[in-house]
Amino acid sequence: MSSNVILPKWGLTMEDGTVVAWHVSEGDTVVEGEIIAEVETEKVENELEAPCAGVVARILVQEDETVDVGTVLAIIASDEAEAAELRGA
């Protein structure tokens, strides 16, 4: 079963964030808690961790893109077969 990587609300006044850098690519295997991206919010950079272990199936928000809190940034699949299915391969 896949899991969504969502932009969390790191502060009371946080409304959006900008993906500064992805440390993973589609198809990469990740472990829970691994740093997968850097997100800038109100001039502070935060490290975004993988919420679960699996394979990065899709990256939905590109670097330098600003999105609202709660936006799905990426999808992590449980295995390579599910990741391929989610990528439409």
C-alpha atoms as a PDB file:
ATOM      1  CA  MET A   1       0.000   0.000   0.000  1.00  0.00           C
ATOM      2  CA  SER A   2       1.355   3.421  -0.935  1.00  0.00           C
ATOM      3  CA  SER A   3       1.800   6.394   1.388  1.00  0.00           C
ATOM      4  CA  ASN A   4       1.582  10.083   0.587  1.00  0.00           C
ATOM      5  CA  VAL A   5       4.392  12.418   1.588  1.00  0.00           C
ATOM      6  CA  ILE A   6       2.541  15.538   2.718  1.00  0.00           C
ATOM      7  CA  LEU A   7       3.911  19.009   3.457  1.00  0.00           C
ATOM      8  CA  PRO A   8       3.464  19.247   7.231  1.00  0.00           C
ATOM      9  CA  LYS A   9       2.645  22.385   9.188  1.00  0.00           C
ATOM     10  CA  TRP A  10       5.881  23.040  11.096  1.00  0.00           C
ATOM     11  CA  GLY A  11       4.730  26.288  12.741  1.00  0.00           C
ATOM     12  CA  LEU A  12       1.540  27.991  13.874  1.00  0.00           C
ATOM     13  CA  THR A  13       1.671  30.604  11.120  1.00  0.00           C
ATOM     14  CA  MET A  14       3.009  28.357   8.351  1.00  0.00           C
ATOM     15  CA  GLU A  15       0.755  28.373   5.306  1.00  0.00           C
ATOM     16  CA  ASP A  16       3.057  27.141   2.529  1.00  0.00           C
ATOM     17  CA  GLY A  17       6.538  25.906   1.721  1.00  0.00           C
ATOM     18  CA  THR A  18       8.968  25.725  -1.174  1.00  0.00           C
ATOM     19  CA  VAL A  19      10.756  22.507  -2.080  1.00  0.00           C
ATOM     20  CA  VAL A  20      14.406  23.583  -2.189  1.00  0.00           C
ATOM     21  CA  ALA A  21      15.940  20.205  -3.035  1.00  0.00           C
ATOM     22  CA  TRP A  22      14.979  16.571  -3.384  1.00  0.00           C
ATOM     23  CA  HIS A  23      17.530  14.093  -2.014  1.00  0.00           C
ATOM     24  CA  VAL A  24      15.791  11.181  -3.749  1.00  0.00           C
ATOM     25  CA  SER A  25      14.546  10.381  -7.248  1.00  0.00           C
ATOM     26  CA  GLU A  26      11.668   8.296  -8.509  1.00  0.00           C
ATOM     27  CA  GLY A  27      12.608   4.646  -8.153  1.00  0.00           C
ATOM     28  CA  ASP A  28      14.887   5.159  -5.133  1.00  0.00           C
ATOM     29  CA  THR A  29      14.411   2.970  -2.070  1.00  0.00           C
ATOM     30  CA  VAL A  30      13.986   4.864   1.218  1.00  0.00           C
ATOM     31  CA  VAL A  31      13.745   3.950   4.882  1.00  0.00           C
ATOM     32  CA  GLU A  32      11.388   5.533   7.389  1.00  0.00           C
ATOM     33  CA  GLY A  33      12.905   8.711   8.823  1.00  0.00           C
ATOM     34  CA  GLU A  34      15.388   9.203   5.972  1.00  0.00           C
ATOM     35  CA  ILE A  35      15.789  12.820   4.860  1.00  0.00           C
ATOM     36  CA  ILE A  36      14.220  12.973   1.391  1.00  0.00           C
ATOM     37  CA  ALA A  37      13.898  16.722   0.766  1.00  0.00           C
ATOM     38  CA  GLU A  38      14.608  20.209   2.034  1.00  0.00           C
ATOM     39  CA  VAL A  39      11.694  22.626   2.297  1.00  0.00           C
ATOM     40  CA  GLU A  40      11.957  26.368   2.923  1.00  0.00           C
ATOM     41  CA  THR A  41       9.271  27.970   5.058  1.00  0.00           C
ATOM     42  CA  GLU A  42       9.345  31.606   6.109  1.00  0.00           C
ATOM     43  CA  LYS A  43      13.084  31.753   5.364  1.00  0.00           C
ATOM     44  CA  VAL A  44      13.878  28.648   7.444  1.00  0.00           C
ATOM     45  CA  GLU A  45      14.919  25.396   5.790  1.00  0.00           C
ATOM     46  CA  ASN A  46      13.441  22.204   7.216  1.00  0.00           C
ATOM     47  CA  GLU A  47      14.362  18.607   6.453  1.00  0.00           C
ATOM     48  CA  LEU A  48      11.476  16.449   5.272  1.00  0.00           C
ATOM     49  CA  GLU A  49      11.644  12.804   6.358  1.00  0.00           C
ATOM     50  CA  ALA A  50      10.161   9.766   4.656  1.00  0.00           C
ATOM     51  CA  PRO A  51       7.026   8.774   6.591  1.00  0.00           C
ATOM     52  CA  CYS A  52       7.606   5.095   5.795  1.00  0.00           C
ATOM     53  CA  ALA A  53       9.965   2.676   4.083  1.00  0.00           C
ATOM     54  CA  GLY A  54       9.451   1.838   0.420  1.00  0.00           C
ATOM     55  CA  VAL A  55      10.156   2.973  -3.114  1.00  0.00           C
ATOM     56  CA  VAL A  56       9.650   6.561  -4.293  1.00  0.00           C
ATOM     57  CA  ALA A  57       6.953   6.038  -6.907  1.00  0.00           C
ATOM     58  CA  ARG A  58       6.224   9.630  -7.913  1.00  0.00           C
ATOM     59  CA  ILE A  59       7.500  13.088  -7.104  1.00  0.00           C
ATOM     60  CA  LEU A  60       4.574  15.450  -7.587  1.00  0.00           C
ATOM     61  CA  VAL A  61       6.119  18.806  -6.611  1.00  0.00           C
ATOM     62  CA  GLN A  62       9.275  19.963  -8.334  1.00  0.00           C
ATOM     63  CA  GLU A  63      12.194  21.905  -6.847  1.00  0.00           C
ATOM     64  CA  ASP A  64      11.539  25.649  -6.435  1.00  0.00           C
ATOM     65  CA  GLU A  65       7.771  25.041  -6.442  1.00  0.00           C
ATOM     66  CA  THR A  66       5.759  26.590  -3.581  1.00  0.00           C
ATOM     67  CA  VAL A  67       2.713  24.705  -2.318  1.00  0.00           C
ATOM     68  CA  ASP A  68       0.228  24.928   0.553  1.00  0.00           C
ATOM     69  CA  VAL A  69       0.487  22.962   3.800  1.00  0.00           C
ATOM     70  CA  GLY A  70      -1.159  19.566   3.334  1.00  0.00           C
ATOM     71  CA  THR A  71      -0.173  19.229  -0.328  1.00  0.00           C
ATOM     72  CA  VAL A  72       0.991  15.771  -1.406  1.00  0.00           C
ATOM     73  CA  LEU A  73       4.647  16.190  -2.412  1.00  0.00           C
ATOM     74  CA  ALA A  74       5.430  12.593  -3.368  1.00  0.00           C
ATOM     75  CA  ILE A  75       4.127   9.035  -3.167  1.00  0.00           C
ATOM     76  CA  ILE A  76       6.070   6.168  -1.614  1.00  0.00           C
ATOM     77  CA  ALA A  77       5.053   2.672  -2.710  1.00  0.00           C
ATOM     78  CA  SER A  78       5.543  -0.452  -0.637  1.00  0.00           C
ATOM     79  CA  ASP A  79       7.609  -2.160  -3.363  1.00  0.00           C
ATOM     80  CA  GLU A  80       8.963  -1.721  -6.888  1.00  0.00           C
ATOM     81  CA  ALA A  81       5.956  -3.408  -8.537  1.00  0.00           C
ATOM     82  CA  GLU A  82       3.533  -0.991  -6.893  1.00  0.00           C
ATOM     83  CA  ALA A  83       5.831   1.937  -7.726  1.00  0.00           C
ATOM     84  CA  ALA A  84       5.881   0.936 -11.405  1.00  0.00           C
ATOM     85  CA  GLU A  85       2.082   0.699 -11.389  1.00  0.00           C
ATOM     86  CA  LEU A  86       1.767   4.160  -9.840  1.00  0.00           C
ATOM     87  CA  ARG A  87       4.158   5.595 -12.441  1.00  0.00           C
ATOM     88  CA  GLY A  88       2.021   4.052 -15.168  1.00  0.00           C
ATOM     89  CA  ALA A  89       4.852   1.834 -16.371  1.00  0.00           C
END
